[in-house]
Amino acid sequence: METSSFVDYHPQAAQLAESEQLGWGAVPRVSPSATPRVEESEFPGDLAAVSTRQLRVLCNQMYRLLDRDFPPMDALHRYEVLVEEIERREVQAEARTAPVTARSGFRDNSLFSRFELFSDGTMVGHVKYEMKGSHAVLIQAVVDPRFDAVDVEPALIRQVLLNAHKRRIAVVPYCPRVREFLTEFPQYRTLLPADQRVRLEATLRAAGDD
C-alpha cells in the first residue's frame, strides 16, 4: 500500500482559531492581549449558561494546558467536563432532528481497526484505520449501499474526528473521502493536529491550482 506524506509527523495539540480571539465572555473584537487566560479566570460554575461556541473555546484552551510539561492539577477534569457537555448538547441536537425510531451508536472496533456507525442496530458505515504509534491513519470510509451516503458519510466522518479529538488521538487524513469532508466542512480542520492541518490545507491549495 502506498504511503502518504501525511504519515510522518509529530502530533501537536489541535487549536481552534477563535480561541485566540474569545475568552470567557462573548465580547466581540477583543484583542488577543485582552483575552483572559484559563488559569487567570474562574471556571464557569454552570456550563448550561455558556454557549456551545464558548464551550469549544474553553475546551481548546484546556487542551492546550494539558500539553504543558506541568499542567494544572484540575485541567484534565475540567477538560473532560467540557467535552461531556459538548457531546450532551450534540446528542440533544441530533435527537431533535432524527426520527423517533432511530437509534444510533458509534464505536471504535479495535479488533478490526475501524470506526463504526450504527443505526437501529445495523452498521451503516465505517472508517478503516491503521495505528502508527499514537497516530490513527484514516485509510478508507465505507458506507453500506443500502443507506444514503449523502447522509451517512458526513455523520460518520464527523464522529470519527470528534471521537479522536476527545481521546487525544492524532488523526492523519489519508482517506480521500475524509479530505473531501474537510474541504466541505473546514471548521472540522481545527480538530486535526496543527502540522497535519497545515499539510492538508497546502495539499488542498495545490489541488485547487491544478
N, C-alpha and C. Protein backbone atom coordinates (compact mmCIF):
# COMPACT_ATOMS: atom_id res chain seq x y z
N MET A 1 0.86 -1.21 0.00
CA MET A 1 0.00 0.00 0.00
C MET A 1 0.88 1.23 0.00
N GLU A 2 0.52 2.19 -0.82
CA GLU A 2 1.30 3.42 -0.87
C GLU A 2 1.23 4.18 0.44
N THR A 3 2.33 4.76 0.78
CA THR A 3 2.32 5.59 1.99
C THR A 3 2.03 7.02 1.60
N SER A 4 1.52 7.77 2.52
CA SER A 4 1.15 9.17 2.25
C SER A 4 2.11 10.10 2.94
N SER A 5 2.24 11.28 2.39
CA SER A 5 3.09 12.29 3.02
C SER A 5 2.52 12.76 4.34
N PHE A 6 1.27 12.35 4.61
CA PHE A 6 0.67 12.77 5.88
C PHE A 6 1.19 11.94 7.04
N VAL A 7 1.84 10.78 6.77
CA VAL A 7 2.12 9.83 7.85
C VAL A 7 3.23 10.28 8.77
N ASP A 8 4.28 10.91 8.24
CA ASP A 8 5.44 11.21 9.07
C ASP A 8 5.28 12.58 9.72
N TYR A 9 4.74 12.57 10.87
CA TYR A 9 4.56 13.84 11.57
C TYR A 9 4.56 13.57 13.04
N HIS A 10 4.71 14.63 13.80
CA HIS A 10 4.66 14.55 15.26
C HIS A 10 3.41 15.26 15.72
N PRO A 11 2.52 14.57 16.46
CA PRO A 11 1.24 15.20 16.83
C PRO A 11 1.43 16.41 17.72
N GLN A 12 0.61 17.40 17.50
CA GLN A 12 0.59 18.60 18.34
C GLN A 12 -0.84 18.85 18.74
N ALA A 13 -1.03 19.71 19.72
CA ALA A 13 -2.38 20.00 20.20
C ALA A 13 -3.17 20.70 19.12
N ALA A 14 -4.41 20.21 18.86
CA ALA A 14 -5.30 20.90 17.93
C ALA A 14 -5.77 22.19 18.56
N GLN A 15 -5.89 23.23 17.70
CA GLN A 15 -6.25 24.54 18.23
C GLN A 15 -7.40 25.10 17.42
N LEU A 16 -8.39 25.66 18.10
CA LEU A 16 -9.49 26.34 17.43
C LEU A 16 -9.07 27.76 17.15
N ALA A 17 -9.34 28.23 15.92
CA ALA A 17 -8.85 29.55 15.53
C ALA A 17 -9.42 30.65 16.38
N GLU A 18 -10.69 30.50 16.75
CA GLU A 18 -11.28 31.59 17.50
C GLU A 18 -10.82 31.66 18.94
N SER A 19 -10.08 30.64 19.42
CA SER A 19 -9.62 30.67 20.81
C SER A 19 -8.64 31.80 21.05
N GLU A 20 -8.01 32.29 19.97
CA GLU A 20 -7.11 33.42 20.13
C GLU A 20 -7.86 34.74 20.16
N GLN A 21 -9.20 34.69 19.94
CA GLN A 21 -9.97 35.91 19.86
C GLN A 21 -11.02 36.04 20.96
N LEU A 22 -11.45 34.93 21.54
CA LEU A 22 -12.50 34.98 22.54
C LEU A 22 -12.03 34.38 23.84
N GLY A 23 -12.39 35.00 24.93
CA GLY A 23 -12.07 34.45 26.25
C GLY A 23 -13.33 33.89 26.85
N TRP A 24 -13.54 34.10 28.17
CA TRP A 24 -14.73 33.55 28.82
C TRP A 24 -15.98 34.28 28.32
N GLY A 25 -15.91 35.58 28.14
CA GLY A 25 -17.10 36.35 27.73
C GLY A 25 -17.27 36.34 26.24
N ALA A 26 -18.48 36.66 25.77
CA ALA A 26 -18.76 36.70 24.34
C ALA A 26 -18.64 38.13 23.83
N VAL A 27 -17.55 38.81 24.15
CA VAL A 27 -17.36 40.20 23.74
C VAL A 27 -16.64 40.20 22.40
N PRO A 28 -17.25 40.72 21.34
CA PRO A 28 -16.62 40.66 20.02
C PRO A 28 -15.46 41.63 19.90
N ARG A 29 -14.56 41.25 18.96
CA ARG A 29 -13.45 42.11 18.55
C ARG A 29 -12.53 42.52 19.70
N VAL A 30 -12.26 41.59 20.60
CA VAL A 30 -11.27 41.90 21.64
C VAL A 30 -9.90 41.54 21.11
N SER A 31 -8.90 42.25 21.56
CA SER A 31 -7.54 41.96 21.12
C SER A 31 -7.03 40.75 21.87
N PRO A 32 -6.09 39.95 21.26
CA PRO A 32 -5.55 38.77 21.94
C PRO A 32 -4.96 39.09 23.30
N SER A 33 -4.37 40.26 23.45
CA SER A 33 -3.75 40.61 24.73
C SER A 33 -4.78 40.81 25.82
N ALA A 34 -6.05 41.11 25.41
CA ALA A 34 -7.09 41.34 26.41
C ALA A 34 -7.85 40.07 26.74
N THR A 35 -7.54 38.97 26.03
CA THR A 35 -8.25 37.72 26.27
C THR A 35 -7.79 37.09 27.56
N PRO A 36 -8.68 36.82 28.50
CA PRO A 36 -8.26 36.22 29.76
C PRO A 36 -7.79 34.80 29.56
N ARG A 37 -6.72 34.40 30.19
CA ARG A 37 -6.20 33.05 30.11
C ARG A 37 -7.00 32.15 31.05
N VAL A 38 -6.97 30.83 30.72
CA VAL A 38 -7.76 29.88 31.51
C VAL A 38 -7.37 29.91 32.96
N GLU A 39 -6.03 29.91 33.21
CA GLU A 39 -5.58 29.84 34.60
C GLU A 39 -5.81 31.13 35.36
N GLU A 40 -6.13 32.23 34.62
CA GLU A 40 -6.34 33.50 35.29
C GLU A 40 -7.82 33.79 35.52
N SER A 41 -8.69 32.92 35.03
CA SER A 41 -10.12 33.15 35.11
C SER A 41 -10.79 32.03 35.89
N GLU A 42 -11.93 32.35 36.45
CA GLU A 42 -12.67 31.34 37.20
C GLU A 42 -13.42 30.45 36.24
N PHE A 43 -13.32 29.14 36.45
CA PHE A 43 -14.02 28.19 35.60
C PHE A 43 -15.51 28.34 35.81
N PRO A 44 -16.33 28.39 34.73
CA PRO A 44 -17.78 28.60 34.89
C PRO A 44 -18.39 27.55 35.79
N GLY A 45 -19.18 27.99 36.75
CA GLY A 45 -19.83 27.05 37.65
C GLY A 45 -21.02 26.36 37.02
N ASP A 46 -21.68 27.04 36.08
CA ASP A 46 -22.86 26.50 35.41
C ASP A 46 -22.61 26.47 33.92
N LEU A 47 -22.20 25.30 33.38
CA LEU A 47 -21.90 25.21 31.95
C LEU A 47 -23.16 25.35 31.10
N ALA A 48 -24.32 25.11 31.69
CA ALA A 48 -25.56 25.25 30.93
C ALA A 48 -25.79 26.68 30.48
N ALA A 49 -25.19 27.63 31.19
CA ALA A 49 -25.37 29.04 30.85
C ALA A 49 -24.34 29.52 29.83
N VAL A 50 -23.41 28.65 29.43
CA VAL A 50 -22.35 29.01 28.50
C VAL A 50 -22.74 28.53 27.10
N SER A 51 -22.51 29.36 26.09
CA SER A 51 -22.85 28.98 24.72
C SER A 51 -21.95 27.84 24.25
N THR A 52 -22.44 27.11 23.24
CA THR A 52 -21.66 25.99 22.70
C THR A 52 -20.35 26.48 22.10
N ARG A 53 -20.39 27.63 21.46
CA ARG A 53 -19.17 28.17 20.88
C ARG A 53 -18.13 28.47 21.96
N GLN A 54 -18.59 29.06 23.06
CA GLN A 54 -17.67 29.35 24.16
C GLN A 54 -17.14 28.06 24.79
N LEU A 55 -18.00 27.05 24.86
CA LEU A 55 -17.55 25.76 25.40
C LEU A 55 -16.40 25.20 24.58
N ARG A 56 -16.49 25.33 23.25
CA ARG A 56 -15.43 24.82 22.39
C ARG A 56 -14.13 25.61 22.59
N VAL A 57 -14.28 26.92 22.78
CA VAL A 57 -13.10 27.74 23.05
C VAL A 57 -12.43 27.31 24.36
N LEU A 58 -13.25 27.14 25.39
CA LEU A 58 -12.72 26.72 26.69
C LEU A 58 -12.08 25.34 26.60
N CYS A 59 -12.72 24.45 25.85
CA CYS A 59 -12.20 23.10 25.68
C CYS A 59 -10.83 23.13 25.02
N ASN A 60 -10.68 23.96 24.01
CA ASN A 60 -9.40 24.07 23.33
C ASN A 60 -8.34 24.67 24.24
N GLN A 61 -8.71 25.68 25.02
CA GLN A 61 -7.76 26.29 25.95
C GLN A 61 -7.28 25.27 26.99
N MET A 62 -8.23 24.48 27.50
CA MET A 62 -7.86 23.46 28.48
C MET A 62 -6.98 22.39 27.85
N TYR A 63 -7.28 22.06 26.60
CA TYR A 63 -6.48 21.08 25.86
C TYR A 63 -5.03 21.55 25.75
N ARG A 64 -4.86 22.83 25.51
CA ARG A 64 -3.51 23.39 25.40
C ARG A 64 -2.79 23.34 26.76
N LEU A 65 -3.53 23.55 27.83
CA LEU A 65 -2.92 23.45 29.16
C LEU A 65 -2.40 22.03 29.42
N LEU A 66 -3.15 21.03 28.94
CA LEU A 66 -2.76 19.64 29.16
C LEU A 66 -1.48 19.28 28.43
N ASP A 67 -1.13 20.03 27.40
CA ASP A 67 0.09 19.76 26.65
C ASP A 67 1.34 20.36 27.29
N ARG A 68 1.15 21.07 28.39
CA ARG A 68 2.31 21.64 29.07
C ARG A 68 3.03 20.55 29.86
N ASP A 69 4.27 20.82 30.17
CA ASP A 69 5.05 19.87 30.97
C ASP A 69 4.44 19.67 32.36
N PHE A 70 3.89 20.75 32.93
CA PHE A 70 3.30 20.67 34.27
C PHE A 70 1.92 21.32 34.24
N PRO A 71 0.91 20.60 33.71
CA PRO A 71 -0.44 21.18 33.64
C PRO A 71 -1.06 21.31 35.02
N PRO A 72 -2.00 22.25 35.20
CA PRO A 72 -2.69 22.37 36.49
C PRO A 72 -3.35 21.05 36.88
N MET A 73 -3.48 20.81 38.15
CA MET A 73 -3.99 19.53 38.64
C MET A 73 -5.41 19.26 38.17
N ASP A 74 -6.23 20.31 38.07
CA ASP A 74 -7.64 20.09 37.72
C ASP A 74 -7.89 20.25 36.23
N ALA A 75 -6.84 20.41 35.41
CA ALA A 75 -7.04 20.66 33.98
C ALA A 75 -7.70 19.48 33.28
N LEU A 76 -7.27 18.26 33.59
CA LEU A 76 -7.85 17.09 32.93
C LEU A 76 -9.33 16.93 33.27
N HIS A 77 -9.66 17.12 34.56
CA HIS A 77 -11.07 17.00 34.97
C HIS A 77 -11.93 18.04 34.26
N ARG A 78 -11.45 19.27 34.20
CA ARG A 78 -12.22 20.33 33.55
C ARG A 78 -12.37 20.06 32.06
N TYR A 79 -11.31 19.55 31.43
CA TYR A 79 -11.38 19.22 30.01
C TYR A 79 -12.45 18.16 29.76
N GLU A 80 -12.47 17.11 30.59
CA GLU A 80 -13.45 16.04 30.42
C GLU A 80 -14.87 16.55 30.64
N VAL A 81 -15.04 17.45 31.62
CA VAL A 81 -16.37 18.02 31.87
C VAL A 81 -16.85 18.82 30.65
N LEU A 82 -15.96 19.58 30.06
CA LEU A 82 -16.31 20.38 28.88
C LEU A 82 -16.68 19.48 27.70
N VAL A 83 -15.89 18.43 27.49
CA VAL A 83 -16.17 17.50 26.38
C VAL A 83 -17.52 16.82 26.58
N GLU A 84 -17.81 16.40 27.80
CA GLU A 84 -19.09 15.75 28.08
C GLU A 84 -20.26 16.69 27.84
N GLU A 85 -20.12 17.95 28.21
CA GLU A 85 -21.20 18.91 28.00
C GLU A 85 -21.42 19.17 26.51
N ILE A 86 -20.33 19.27 25.74
CA ILE A 86 -20.45 19.48 24.29
C ILE A 86 -21.13 18.27 23.65
N GLU A 87 -20.71 17.06 24.04
CA GLU A 87 -21.31 15.86 23.48
C GLU A 87 -22.78 15.75 23.86
N ARG A 88 -23.12 16.13 25.09
CA ARG A 88 -24.52 16.08 25.52
C ARG A 88 -25.38 16.98 24.65
N ARG A 89 -24.88 18.17 24.35
CA ARG A 89 -25.63 19.09 23.50
C ARG A 89 -25.76 18.56 22.08
N GLU A 90 -24.71 17.91 21.59
CA GLU A 90 -24.77 17.35 20.24
C GLU A 90 -25.81 16.24 20.15
N VAL A 91 -25.86 15.41 21.19
CA VAL A 91 -26.86 14.33 21.21
C VAL A 91 -28.26 14.91 21.24
N GLN A 92 -28.47 15.95 22.03
CA GLN A 92 -29.77 16.59 22.10
C GLN A 92 -30.16 17.19 20.75
N ALA A 93 -29.19 17.83 20.08
CA ALA A 93 -29.47 18.45 18.78
C ALA A 93 -29.83 17.39 17.75
N GLU A 94 -29.12 16.25 17.76
CA GLU A 94 -29.42 15.18 16.82
C GLU A 94 -30.78 14.55 17.12
N ALA A 95 -31.12 14.44 18.40
CA ALA A 95 -32.40 13.84 18.78
C ALA A 95 -33.58 14.68 18.31
N ARG A 96 -33.36 16.01 18.25
CA ARG A 96 -34.45 16.89 17.81
C ARG A 96 -34.72 16.78 16.32
N THR A 97 -33.71 16.34 15.54
CA THR A 97 -33.88 16.27 14.10
C THR A 97 -34.02 14.85 13.58
N ALA A 98 -33.66 13.85 14.38
CA ALA A 98 -33.72 12.46 13.92
C ALA A 98 -35.12 11.88 14.15
N PRO A 99 -35.50 10.88 13.35
CA PRO A 99 -36.79 10.22 13.58
C PRO A 99 -36.84 9.60 14.97
N VAL A 100 -38.03 9.51 15.51
CA VAL A 100 -38.20 8.98 16.87
C VAL A 100 -37.70 7.56 16.99
N THR A 101 -37.86 6.77 15.90
CA THR A 101 -37.49 5.35 15.95
C THR A 101 -36.00 5.11 15.73
N ALA A 102 -35.28 6.16 15.34
CA ALA A 102 -33.86 5.97 15.01
C ALA A 102 -33.03 5.80 16.27
N ARG A 103 -32.23 4.74 16.30
CA ARG A 103 -31.28 4.51 17.40
C ARG A 103 -29.91 4.37 16.77
N SER A 104 -29.01 5.24 17.17
CA SER A 104 -27.69 5.24 16.55
C SER A 104 -26.63 5.01 17.59
N GLY A 105 -25.46 4.63 17.12
CA GLY A 105 -24.33 4.42 18.01
C GLY A 105 -23.04 4.49 17.22
N PHE A 106 -21.96 4.78 17.93
CA PHE A 106 -20.65 4.88 17.31
C PHE A 106 -19.65 4.18 18.21
N ARG A 107 -18.72 3.45 17.61
CA ARG A 107 -17.71 2.78 18.43
C ARG A 107 -16.41 2.60 17.64
N ASP A 108 -15.34 2.46 18.39
CA ASP A 108 -14.04 2.12 17.82
C ASP A 108 -13.86 0.62 17.96
N ASN A 109 -13.95 -0.10 16.86
CA ASN A 109 -13.77 -1.55 16.86
C ASN A 109 -12.29 -1.84 16.63
N SER A 110 -11.53 -1.89 17.72
CA SER A 110 -10.08 -2.05 17.61
C SER A 110 -9.70 -3.42 17.06
N LEU A 111 -10.60 -4.43 17.21
CA LEU A 111 -10.31 -5.77 16.70
C LEU A 111 -10.16 -5.74 15.18
N PHE A 112 -11.03 -4.98 14.52
CA PHE A 112 -10.99 -4.88 13.06
C PHE A 112 -10.38 -3.56 12.59
N SER A 113 -9.89 -2.76 13.52
CA SER A 113 -9.25 -1.47 13.20
C SER A 113 -10.16 -0.60 12.35
N ARG A 114 -11.34 -0.33 12.87
CA ARG A 114 -12.25 0.55 12.14
C ARG A 114 -13.20 1.24 13.12
N PHE A 115 -13.57 2.47 12.76
CA PHE A 115 -14.60 3.21 13.48
C PHE A 115 -15.94 2.91 12.82
N GLU A 116 -16.94 2.55 13.63
CA GLU A 116 -18.20 2.07 13.09
C GLU A 116 -19.37 2.95 13.54
N LEU A 117 -20.31 3.16 12.61
CA LEU A 117 -21.52 3.93 12.90
C LEU A 117 -22.72 3.02 12.70
N PHE A 118 -23.64 3.01 13.71
CA PHE A 118 -24.81 2.14 13.68
C PHE A 118 -26.10 2.94 13.68
N SER A 119 -27.14 2.34 13.08
CA SER A 119 -28.49 2.88 13.14
C SER A 119 -29.45 1.71 13.28
N ASP A 120 -30.30 1.75 14.32
CA ASP A 120 -31.23 0.65 14.59
C ASP A 120 -30.52 -0.69 14.65
N GLY A 121 -29.33 -0.71 15.23
CA GLY A 121 -28.59 -1.95 15.41
C GLY A 121 -27.85 -2.42 14.17
N THR A 122 -27.93 -1.69 13.07
CA THR A 122 -27.26 -2.06 11.82
C THR A 122 -26.09 -1.12 11.57
N MET A 123 -24.93 -1.69 11.22
CA MET A 123 -23.78 -0.85 10.89
C MET A 123 -24.00 -0.23 9.52
N VAL A 124 -24.09 1.09 9.48
CA VAL A 124 -24.38 1.79 8.22
C VAL A 124 -23.11 2.27 7.52
N GLY A 125 -22.00 2.30 8.24
CA GLY A 125 -20.75 2.73 7.63
C GLY A 125 -19.60 2.57 8.59
N HIS A 126 -18.39 2.59 8.06
CA HIS A 126 -17.20 2.51 8.91
C HIS A 126 -16.02 3.20 8.22
N VAL A 127 -15.03 3.57 9.04
CA VAL A 127 -13.78 4.14 8.54
C VAL A 127 -12.64 3.22 8.98
N LYS A 128 -11.97 2.63 8.01
CA LYS A 128 -10.84 1.76 8.30
C LYS A 128 -9.63 2.60 8.67
N TYR A 129 -8.86 2.15 9.65
CA TYR A 129 -7.68 2.90 10.06
C TYR A 129 -6.53 1.98 10.41
N GLU A 130 -5.34 2.55 10.48
CA GLU A 130 -4.15 1.85 10.96
C GLU A 130 -3.51 2.73 12.02
N MET A 131 -3.04 2.13 13.10
CA MET A 131 -2.34 2.86 14.13
C MET A 131 -0.85 2.89 13.81
N LYS A 132 -0.31 4.09 13.70
CA LYS A 132 1.13 4.29 13.51
C LYS A 132 1.63 5.02 14.75
N GLY A 133 2.09 4.27 15.73
CA GLY A 133 2.44 4.87 17.01
C GLY A 133 1.18 5.38 17.67
N SER A 134 1.14 6.67 17.95
CA SER A 134 -0.05 7.27 18.56
C SER A 134 -0.95 7.93 17.51
N HIS A 135 -0.70 7.66 16.23
CA HIS A 135 -1.46 8.28 15.15
C HIS A 135 -2.42 7.28 14.52
N ALA A 136 -3.65 7.70 14.32
CA ALA A 136 -4.63 6.89 13.61
C ALA A 136 -4.68 7.37 12.16
N VAL A 137 -4.16 6.56 11.25
CA VAL A 137 -4.17 6.90 9.83
C VAL A 137 -5.51 6.44 9.25
N LEU A 138 -6.36 7.40 8.87
CA LEU A 138 -7.68 7.08 8.33
C LEU A 138 -7.52 6.68 6.87
N ILE A 139 -7.78 5.40 6.58
CA ILE A 139 -7.46 4.84 5.27
C ILE A 139 -8.63 4.88 4.30
N GLN A 140 -9.81 4.43 4.76
CA GLN A 140 -10.94 4.30 3.83
C GLN A 140 -12.26 4.43 4.56
N ALA A 141 -13.15 5.25 4.00
CA ALA A 141 -14.51 5.39 4.52
C ALA A 141 -15.45 4.57 3.64
N VAL A 142 -16.27 3.73 4.27
CA VAL A 142 -17.18 2.85 3.53
C VAL A 142 -18.59 3.02 4.09
N VAL A 143 -19.57 3.18 3.18
CA VAL A 143 -20.97 3.30 3.56
C VAL A 143 -21.74 2.13 2.97
N ASP A 144 -22.58 1.49 3.79
CA ASP A 144 -23.42 0.39 3.31
C ASP A 144 -24.29 0.91 2.16
N PRO A 145 -24.26 0.24 0.99
CA PRO A 145 -25.03 0.74 -0.18
C PRO A 145 -26.54 0.79 0.06
N ARG A 146 -27.03 0.12 1.10
CA ARG A 146 -28.46 0.18 1.39
C ARG A 146 -28.86 1.52 2.01
N PHE A 147 -27.88 2.32 2.39
CA PHE A 147 -28.15 3.60 3.04
C PHE A 147 -27.64 4.74 2.18
N ASP A 148 -28.19 5.91 2.42
CA ASP A 148 -27.84 7.10 1.64
C ASP A 148 -26.50 7.64 2.11
N ALA A 149 -25.50 7.56 1.24
CA ALA A 149 -24.15 8.02 1.60
C ALA A 149 -24.11 9.51 1.88
N VAL A 150 -25.02 10.26 1.25
CA VAL A 150 -25.05 11.71 1.45
C VAL A 150 -25.34 12.05 2.91
N ASP A 151 -26.17 11.23 3.56
CA ASP A 151 -26.49 11.46 4.97
C ASP A 151 -25.51 10.75 5.91
N VAL A 152 -25.12 9.53 5.55
CA VAL A 152 -24.33 8.70 6.46
C VAL A 152 -22.87 9.13 6.51
N GLU A 153 -22.28 9.36 5.35
CA GLU A 153 -20.83 9.61 5.32
C GLU A 153 -20.40 10.83 6.13
N PRO A 154 -21.05 12.00 5.99
CA PRO A 154 -20.63 13.14 6.82
C PRO A 154 -20.79 12.87 8.31
N ALA A 155 -21.88 12.20 8.69
CA ALA A 155 -22.10 11.89 10.11
C ALA A 155 -21.02 10.95 10.62
N LEU A 156 -20.63 9.98 9.81
CA LEU A 156 -19.60 9.01 10.19
C LEU A 156 -18.25 9.70 10.39
N ILE A 157 -17.83 10.49 9.41
CA ILE A 157 -16.52 11.15 9.49
C ILE A 157 -16.50 12.16 10.62
N ARG A 158 -17.60 12.85 10.81
CA ARG A 158 -17.68 13.81 11.91
C ARG A 158 -17.47 13.11 13.26
N GLN A 159 -18.12 11.97 13.45
CA GLN A 159 -17.98 11.21 14.69
C GLN A 159 -16.55 10.71 14.88
N VAL A 160 -15.91 10.31 13.80
CA VAL A 160 -14.52 9.84 13.88
C VAL A 160 -13.61 10.96 14.39
N LEU A 161 -13.75 12.15 13.82
CA LEU A 161 -12.90 13.27 14.20
C LEU A 161 -13.16 13.70 15.65
N LEU A 162 -14.43 13.78 16.02
CA LEU A 162 -14.76 14.20 17.38
C LEU A 162 -14.29 13.17 18.40
N ASN A 163 -14.46 11.89 18.08
CA ASN A 163 -14.04 10.83 18.99
C ASN A 163 -12.54 10.83 19.17
N ALA A 164 -11.79 11.00 18.07
CA ALA A 164 -10.33 11.04 18.15
C ALA A 164 -9.87 12.25 18.95
N HIS A 165 -10.55 13.39 18.75
CA HIS A 165 -10.18 14.61 19.49
C HIS A 165 -10.43 14.42 20.99
N LYS A 166 -11.55 13.81 21.32
CA LYS A 166 -11.86 13.59 22.73
C LYS A 166 -10.82 12.68 23.39
N ARG A 167 -10.38 11.68 22.68
CA ARG A 167 -9.42 10.71 23.23
C ARG A 167 -7.97 11.13 23.02
N ARG A 168 -7.78 12.33 22.42
CA ARG A 168 -6.45 12.87 22.17
C ARG A 168 -5.63 11.93 21.29
N ILE A 169 -6.29 11.38 20.27
CA ILE A 169 -5.63 10.56 19.26
C ILE A 169 -5.39 11.43 18.04
N ALA A 170 -4.15 11.51 17.58
CA ALA A 170 -3.85 12.29 16.38
C ALA A 170 -4.32 11.53 15.16
N VAL A 171 -5.00 12.21 14.25
CA VAL A 171 -5.50 11.56 13.04
C VAL A 171 -4.76 12.07 11.82
N VAL A 172 -4.55 11.18 10.87
CA VAL A 172 -3.90 11.51 9.60
C VAL A 172 -4.94 11.28 8.49
N PRO A 173 -5.42 12.32 7.83
CA PRO A 173 -6.50 12.19 6.83
C PRO A 173 -6.00 11.66 5.50
N TYR A 174 -5.61 10.38 5.45
CA TYR A 174 -5.14 9.75 4.22
C TYR A 174 -6.31 9.48 3.27
N CYS A 175 -7.46 9.12 3.82
CA CYS A 175 -8.64 8.76 3.02
C CYS A 175 -9.14 9.95 2.21
N PRO A 176 -9.34 9.78 0.89
CA PRO A 176 -9.86 10.88 0.06
C PRO A 176 -11.22 11.37 0.53
N ARG A 177 -12.09 10.46 1.02
CA ARG A 177 -13.41 10.87 1.50
C ARG A 177 -13.28 11.80 2.70
N VAL A 178 -12.33 11.51 3.58
CA VAL A 178 -12.12 12.35 4.75
C VAL A 178 -11.63 13.72 4.33
N ARG A 179 -10.72 13.75 3.36
CA ARG A 179 -10.21 15.04 2.89
C ARG A 179 -11.32 15.84 2.20
N GLU A 180 -12.20 15.15 1.47
CA GLU A 180 -13.34 15.83 0.84
C GLU A 180 -14.25 16.43 1.90
N PHE A 181 -14.46 15.68 2.98
CA PHE A 181 -15.28 16.18 4.08
C PHE A 181 -14.66 17.44 4.68
N LEU A 182 -13.35 17.41 4.89
CA LEU A 182 -12.67 18.56 5.48
C LEU A 182 -12.63 19.75 4.52
N THR A 183 -12.73 19.47 3.23
CA THR A 183 -12.82 20.56 2.25
C THR A 183 -14.18 21.23 2.33
N GLU A 184 -15.22 20.40 2.46
CA GLU A 184 -16.59 20.93 2.50
C GLU A 184 -16.92 21.56 3.85
N PHE A 185 -16.34 21.01 4.92
CA PHE A 185 -16.61 21.50 6.27
C PHE A 185 -15.28 21.90 6.93
N PRO A 186 -14.72 23.04 6.53
CA PRO A 186 -13.39 23.43 7.03
C PRO A 186 -13.33 23.66 8.53
N GLN A 187 -14.49 23.87 9.19
CA GLN A 187 -14.46 24.11 10.63
C GLN A 187 -13.92 22.89 11.40
N TYR A 188 -14.03 21.69 10.79
CA TYR A 188 -13.54 20.49 11.47
C TYR A 188 -12.03 20.30 11.33
N ARG A 189 -11.40 21.12 10.51
CA ARG A 189 -9.94 21.02 10.39
C ARG A 189 -9.25 21.39 11.70
N THR A 190 -9.92 22.18 12.52
CA THR A 190 -9.31 22.59 13.79
C THR A 190 -9.16 21.41 14.75
N LEU A 191 -9.82 20.27 14.45
CA LEU A 191 -9.67 19.09 15.30
C LEU A 191 -8.41 18.30 14.94
N LEU A 192 -7.77 18.65 13.82
CA LEU A 192 -6.53 17.97 13.43
C LEU A 192 -5.35 18.58 14.18
N PRO A 193 -4.28 17.80 14.37
CA PRO A 193 -3.05 18.40 14.90
C PRO A 193 -2.62 19.55 13.99
N ALA A 194 -1.97 20.55 14.55
CA ALA A 194 -1.65 21.76 13.80
C ALA A 194 -0.83 21.45 12.55
N ASP A 195 0.18 20.57 12.64
CA ASP A 195 1.01 20.31 11.48
C ASP A 195 0.25 19.57 10.39
N GLN A 196 -0.68 18.68 10.80
CA GLN A 196 -1.48 17.98 9.81
C GLN A 196 -2.47 18.92 9.13
N ARG A 197 -2.99 19.88 9.89
CA ARG A 197 -3.90 20.87 9.31
C ARG A 197 -3.16 21.70 8.25
N VAL A 198 -1.91 22.08 8.56
CA VAL A 198 -1.13 22.86 7.60
C VAL A 198 -0.86 22.05 6.35
N ARG A 199 -0.51 20.78 6.51
CA ARG A 199 -0.22 19.91 5.36
C ARG A 199 -1.47 19.71 4.51
N LEU A 200 -2.59 19.47 5.18
CA LEU A 200 -3.85 19.27 4.46
C LEU A 200 -4.21 20.51 3.64
N GLU A 201 -4.15 21.67 4.28
CA GLU A 201 -4.52 22.90 3.59
C GLU A 201 -3.58 23.21 2.43
N ALA A 202 -2.30 22.86 2.59
CA ALA A 202 -1.35 23.04 1.48
C ALA A 202 -1.69 22.11 0.32
N THR A 203 -2.09 20.87 0.65
CA THR A 203 -2.47 19.90 -0.38
C THR A 203 -3.73 20.36 -1.11
N LEU A 204 -4.70 20.87 -0.35
CA LEU A 204 -5.93 21.35 -0.96
C LEU A 204 -5.67 22.55 -1.86
N ARG A 205 -4.78 23.43 -1.44
CA ARG A 205 -4.45 24.60 -2.26
C ARG A 205 -3.77 24.15 -3.56
N ALA A 206 -2.86 23.19 -3.44
CA ALA A 206 -2.15 22.70 -4.63
C ALA A 206 -3.12 22.03 -5.60
N ALA A 207 -4.09 21.28 -5.05
CA ALA A 207 -5.08 20.62 -5.90
C ALA A 207 -5.96 21.65 -6.59
N GLY A 208 -6.25 22.75 -5.91
CA GLY A 208 -7.08 23.80 -6.49
C GLY A 208 -6.37 24.55 -7.60
N ASP A 209 -5.03 24.57 -7.57
CA ASP A 209 -4.26 25.27 -8.60
C ASP A 209 -4.13 24.46 -9.88
N ASP A 210 -4.35 23.12 -9.76
CA ASP A 210 -4.19 22.25 -10.94
C ASP A 210 -5.34 22.46 -11.93
